[in-house]
Protein backbone atom coordinates (compact mmCIF):
# COMPACT_ATOMS: atom_id res chain seq x y z
CA MET A 1 7.16 14.55 11.33
CA SER A 2 9.97 15.23 8.89
CA ASP A 3 11.20 11.49 8.94
CA GLU A 4 11.38 10.12 5.46
CA ARG A 5 9.37 7.13 6.82
CA SER A 6 6.41 9.22 7.86
CA PRO A 7 3.04 8.84 6.15
CA LYS A 8 3.74 11.81 4.07
CA HIS A 9 6.49 9.96 2.15
CA VAL A 10 4.91 6.65 1.62
CA GLY A 11 6.71 5.05 -1.26
CA SER A 12 10.00 7.05 -0.66
CA CYS A 13 11.72 4.24 1.22
CA CYS A 14 12.56 2.09 -1.92
CA GLU A 15 12.11 1.83 -5.66
CA ALA A 16 10.20 -1.50 -5.39
CA LEU A 17 7.31 0.11 -3.42
CA ARG A 18 7.24 3.20 -5.78
CA ASP A 19 6.95 0.88 -8.75
CA ALA A 20 4.24 -1.15 -6.99
CA LEU A 21 2.29 1.99 -6.25
CA SER A 22 2.57 3.29 -9.82
CA MET A 23 1.33 0.16 -11.66
CA GLN A 24 -1.55 0.76 -14.04
CA ALA A 25 -3.90 -1.47 -16.01
CA PRO A 26 -3.51 -4.14 -17.37
CA ILE A 27 -1.13 -4.91 -14.55
CA VAL A 28 -3.05 -4.47 -11.25
CA SER A 29 -1.18 -3.61 -8.06
CA HIS A 30 -2.40 -5.06 -4.75
CA PHE A 31 -1.30 -1.90 -3.03
CA VAL A 32 -3.52 1.02 -2.48
CA LEU A 33 -2.42 4.46 -1.03
CA GLN A 34 -5.38 6.31 0.31
CA GLU A 35 -5.77 10.07 0.38
CA ASN A 36 -4.92 10.05 4.12
CA GLN A 37 -1.52 8.39 3.16
CA THR A 38 -2.44 5.03 4.68
CA LEU A 39 -1.05 2.20 2.59
CA TYR A 40 -3.24 -0.98 2.28
CA VAL A 41 -2.41 -4.26 0.67
CA ALA A 42 -5.02 -6.72 -0.68
CA VAL A 43 -4.67 -10.01 0.89
CA GLY A 44 -7.67 -11.85 -0.47
CA SER A 45 -10.78 -11.62 -2.58
CA VAL A 46 -14.07 -13.34 -3.16
CA ALA A 47 -16.43 -13.20 -6.05
CA THR A 48 -19.96 -12.01 -5.14
CA GLU A 49 -23.01 -11.24 -7.22
CA LYS A 50 -22.06 -7.60 -7.20
CA GLY A 51 -18.52 -8.22 -8.30
CA THR A 52 -15.27 -8.91 -6.53
CA SER A 53 -14.93 -8.01 -2.89
CA TRP A 54 -11.39 -7.41 -1.44
CA PHE A 55 -10.04 -8.03 1.93
CA ASP A 56 -7.28 -5.49 2.66
CA GLN A 57 -4.94 -4.66 5.51
CA ALA A 58 -3.14 -1.56 6.58
CA VAL A 59 0.58 -1.76 6.05
CA ARG A 60 2.95 -0.47 8.81
CA PHE A 61 6.22 -1.73 7.28
CA CYS A 62 7.39 -1.78 3.57
CA PRO A 63 6.93 -5.32 2.38
CA PHE A 64 10.08 -4.79 0.15
CA CYS A 65 12.67 -3.07 2.26
CA GLY A 66 11.17 -3.27 5.89
CA ALA A 67 11.14 0.49 6.44
CA GLU A 68 8.29 1.78 8.69
CA VAL A 69 5.80 3.54 6.40
CA ARG A 70 3.15 4.15 9.14
CA THR A 71 3.54 4.52 12.96
CA ALA A 72 1.56 2.37 15.28
CA ASP A 73 -0.47 5.51 16.25
């Protein structure tokens, strides 16, 4: 796919998503871009004896501009 919205270009749809993906400590982003170019957003957390556990969800559409960042396939 050469479409800008393809997984190869996650973050190219808008400046807001690029900024969210580039946040570094002490500011923590709730967005994670995995090596396979799947974008996840943390939607909840729980404290456990072993530390914080996160519940995340794969993102299909950019939460800032609405562009498709991952196809349904």
